[in-house]
Protein backbone atom coordinates (compact mmCIF):
# COMPACT_ATOMS: atom_id res chain seq x y z
CA MET A 1 19.37 3.51 -1.26
CA SER A 2 18.36 -0.14 -2.15
CA PHE A 3 15.46 -1.78 -0.45
CA GLU A 4 16.20 -5.21 -2.11
CA ALA A 5 15.02 -7.20 1.20
CA GLY A 6 12.11 -5.16 1.79
CA GLU A 7 10.99 -5.58 -2.03
CA VAL A 8 11.61 -9.47 -1.81
CA ALA A 9 9.55 -9.64 1.49
CA MET A 10 6.64 -7.88 -0.25
CA TRP A 11 6.86 -9.95 -3.29
CA ARG A 12 6.79 -13.45 -0.92
CA LEU A 13 3.60 -12.10 0.57
CA VAL A 14 2.13 -11.34 -2.77
CA GLN A 15 2.94 -14.83 -4.10
CA ARG A 16 1.54 -16.32 -0.77
CA TYR A 17 -1.75 -14.58 -0.74
CA THR A 18 -2.90 -13.39 -4.24
CA GLY A 19 -5.98 -15.23 -5.05
CA GLN A 20 -6.05 -17.08 -1.81
CA VAL A 21 -7.49 -14.43 0.50
CA GLY A 22 -10.84 -12.69 0.48
CA TYR A 23 -11.69 -9.12 1.16
CA GLN A 24 -13.64 -7.98 4.16
CA ARG A 25 -13.92 -4.20 5.08
CA GLY A 26 -12.38 -3.53 8.72
CA VAL A 27 -10.29 -6.56 8.99
CA LYS A 28 -6.65 -6.31 9.20
CA SER A 29 -3.90 -8.96 9.16
CA GLU A 30 -5.36 -11.05 11.90
CA GLY A 31 -8.12 -11.83 9.02
CA LEU A 32 -5.31 -13.92 7.27
CA SER A 33 -5.97 -16.58 10.11
CA ALA A 34 -9.66 -16.76 9.49
CA ASN A 35 -11.28 -19.64 7.67
CA PRO A 36 -11.66 -18.45 4.93
CA PRO A 37 -9.00 -15.80 5.06
CA VAL A 38 -9.96 -12.04 4.63
CA ILE A 39 -8.25 -8.79 4.93
CA ASP A 40 -9.30 -5.25 3.73
CA CYS A 41 -7.14 -2.76 1.71
CA SER A 42 -5.27 -0.82 4.31
CA GLY A 43 -4.70 -4.15 6.37
CA TRP A 44 -3.13 -5.47 3.12
CA THR A 45 -1.11 -2.43 2.65
CA ALA A 46 0.17 -2.20 6.29
CA LEU A 47 1.20 -5.77 6.26
CA LEU A 48 3.11 -5.51 3.12
CA LEU A 49 4.80 -2.45 4.32
CA THR A 50 5.48 -3.69 7.97
CA GLN A 51 7.04 -6.87 6.60
CA ALA A 52 9.10 -5.03 4.27
CA MET A 53 10.48 -2.46 6.99
CA GLN A 54 11.25 -5.39 9.19
CA ALA A 55 13.13 -7.36 6.44
CA GLU A 56 15.12 -4.11 5.76
CA ASN A 57 15.91 -3.71 9.52
CA GLU A 58 16.91 -7.56 9.75
CA ALA A 59 19.13 -7.06 6.57
CA ALA A 60 20.82 -4.35 7.95
CA GLY A 61 21.43 -5.59 11.26
CA ARG A 62 19.97 -2.26 12.74
CA GLU A 63 16.94 -0.16 12.89
CA VAL A 64 16.42 1.67 9.42
CA PHE A 65 12.80 1.94 10.14
CA GLY A 66 11.41 2.88 13.45
CA ALA A 67 8.99 0.89 15.41
CA ASP A 68 6.90 4.12 15.55
CA ASP A 69 6.73 4.26 11.88
CA MET A 70 5.72 0.76 11.43
CA LEU A 71 2.88 1.20 14.25
CA ALA A 72 1.55 4.39 12.41
CA LEU A 73 0.74 2.26 9.38
CA GLN A 74 -1.79 0.25 11.50
CA THR A 75 -4.73 2.42 10.53
CA TRP A 76 -7.12 3.26 7.81
CA SER A 77 -6.22 3.97 4.10
CA ASP A 78 -6.31 7.77 4.34
CA ARG A 79 -4.35 7.71 7.60
CA ILE A 80 -1.50 5.62 6.08
CA LEU A 81 -1.12 8.06 3.36
CA HIS A 82 -1.25 11.05 5.86
CA GLU A 83 1.33 9.41 7.91
CA ILE A 84 3.81 8.62 5.35
CA GLU A 85 3.26 12.11 3.80
CA THR A 86 3.79 13.80 6.99
CA ARG A 87 6.78 11.81 7.92
CA THR A 88 8.43 12.30 4.47
CA GLY A 89 7.20 15.49 3.24
CA PHE A 90 6.54 13.78 -0.06
CA ILE A 91 3.28 13.18 -2.10
CA LEU A 92 2.29 13.14 -5.65
CA GLU A 93 -1.25 14.34 -6.71
CA ALA A 94 -3.35 12.87 -9.32
CA CYS A 95 -2.09 14.38 -12.54
CA LYS A 96 1.55 13.97 -11.73
CA ILE A 97 1.12 10.07 -11.14
CA THR A 98 2.74 8.30 -13.94
CA ALA A 99 4.80 5.07 -14.26
CA ALA A 100 7.76 7.13 -14.52
CA SER A 101 7.10 9.43 -11.65
CA LEU A 102 6.08 6.72 -8.99
CA PRO A 103 8.41 5.95 -6.39
CA ARG A 104 9.58 2.17 -6.66
CA CYS A 105 7.17 0.96 -4.04
CA ALA A 106 4.59 3.79 -3.69
CA ALA A 107 1.37 3.31 -1.77
CA ILE A 108 -1.39 5.05 -3.61
CA GLY A 109 -4.64 6.19 -2.18
CA LEU A 110 -7.67 6.69 -4.03
CA LYS A 111 -11.12 8.26 -3.55
CA MET A 112 -13.70 5.72 -4.35
CA GLY A 113 -16.88 7.43 -4.22
CA GLU A 114 -18.49 8.67 -0.81
CA PRO A 115 -19.55 5.11 0.53
CA ALA A 116 -22.24 5.21 3.48
CA TRP A 117 -19.73 3.64 6.08
CA ALA A 118 -17.30 6.67 5.51
CA ALA A 119 -20.07 9.20 6.76
CA ASN A 120 -19.14 8.23 10.37
CA HIS A 121 -15.38 8.73 9.63
CA PRO A 122 -14.26 11.84 7.76
CA ARG A 123 -11.45 11.27 5.71
CA PRO A 124 -8.68 13.61 4.48
CA ARG A 125 -9.06 14.13 0.54
CA GLY A 126 -11.80 11.39 0.63
CA ILE A 127 -9.45 8.48 0.40
CA THR A 128 -11.30 5.30 0.87
CA HIS A 129 -8.95 2.83 -0.73
CA ILE A 130 -5.28 2.12 -0.86
CA VAL A 131 -2.96 -0.04 -3.09
CA GLN A 132 0.64 -0.83 -2.86
CA VAL A 133 3.37 -0.95 -5.66
CA VAL A 134 5.60 -4.07 -5.52
CA ARG A 135 8.31 -5.50 -7.74
CA ARG A 136 9.03 -8.96 -9.03
CA PRO A 137 12.70 -9.64 -8.14
CA ASP A 138 13.27 -11.73 -11.18
CA ASP A 139 12.97 -8.86 -13.65
CA ASP A 140 12.00 -5.69 -11.57
CA ALA A 141 8.48 -5.45 -13.22
CA PRO A 142 6.21 -3.35 -11.10
CA PHE A 143 2.73 -4.52 -10.25
CA VAL A 144 0.00 -3.12 -8.09
CA SER A 145 -1.20 -5.33 -5.03
CA GLU A 146 -4.45 -4.64 -3.49
CA SER A 147 -7.43 -6.10 -1.36
CA PHE A 148 -10.64 -5.02 -3.07
CA GLY A 149 -14.26 -5.72 -2.53
CA SER A 150 -15.52 -5.96 -6.13
CA SER A 151 -17.91 -8.33 -7.09
CA SER A 152 -16.06 -9.91 -9.92
CA GLN A 153 -12.78 -10.66 -8.11
CA PRO A 154 -12.95 -9.86 -4.48
CA GLY A 155 -9.90 -10.33 -2.42
CA ILE A 156 -6.05 -9.84 -2.98
CA SER A 157 -5.31 -9.32 -6.58
CA LEU A 158 -2.12 -8.46 -8.63
CA THR A 159 -2.04 -6.13 -11.72
CA PRO A 160 0.72 -4.97 -13.84
CA LEU A 161 1.46 -1.31 -13.00
CA ALA A 162 0.91 0.07 -16.67
CA GLU A 163 -2.54 -1.89 -16.86
CA TRP A 164 -3.58 -0.44 -13.33
CA LEU A 165 -2.67 3.17 -14.33
CA ALA A 166 -4.58 2.76 -17.66
CA LEU A 167 -7.73 1.61 -15.46
CA ALA A 168 -7.12 4.39 -12.86
CA GLN A 169 -7.03 7.25 -15.49
CA PRO A 170 -10.58 8.40 -14.62
CA ARG A 171 -9.48 8.98 -11.08
CA ILE A 172 -6.28 10.65 -12.03
CA ARG A 173 -8.21 13.07 -14.30
CA ALA A 174 -10.69 13.55 -11.52
CA ASP A 175 -7.99 14.53 -9.00
CA GLU A 176 -8.92 11.48 -7.07
CA MET A 177 -5.35 9.72 -6.57
CA TRP A 178 -2.49 10.38 -4.32
CA ALA A 179 0.81 8.40 -3.87
CA VAL A 180 3.60 8.53 -1.04
CA ASP A 181 6.80 6.80 -0.96
CA PRO A 182 6.97 4.79 2.42
CA PHE A 183 10.72 3.85 1.98
CA ARG A 184 11.43 7.63 2.43
CA MET A 185 10.93 7.09 5.95
CA ALA A 186 14.08 5.08 6.28
CA GLY A 187 17.08 6.57 8.19
CA LYS A 188 15.03 9.25 9.81
CA LEU A 189 16.36 7.81 13.00
CA ALA A 190 19.17 9.48 14.99
CA ASP A 191 22.52 7.12 14.46
């Protein structure tokens, strides 16, 4: 099944906000209205996926993705992965993650150490960060879009998938990365 409308919707968001929005932990899509605009990793991924699913529903003229699936994405990084895995029965673990094995628009969760803020919020698998694979419509090139709080480039960034996977190799080797396929939630509704 093709999800062209959803992929285009995500790419439009990426074009609009990459390099224009900063990072702030705990801030979801409402942070895009702040001055200056900010959003955290799970807020950004949830916005990308929700907009993609709404675009697919509009393009199909029917509910391809259920409102409950979209609502389930409005949470923390580890819960987004858990909800998608639970609803689809699909997850790739660390060493199985490659450019060839990833779903077209995978959501990828990472264990990024053990930050103090996570102590009060136990997380399955220790996932504390999430990124979203997006596709450039002109040539279908895959990229990773993420909102990250690094000191060198805080906020929403875009990295070619191959380059991002090369940088992520230590996490893959340490079994600290998981990927799910959000678009597998399509059509789980009764017709």
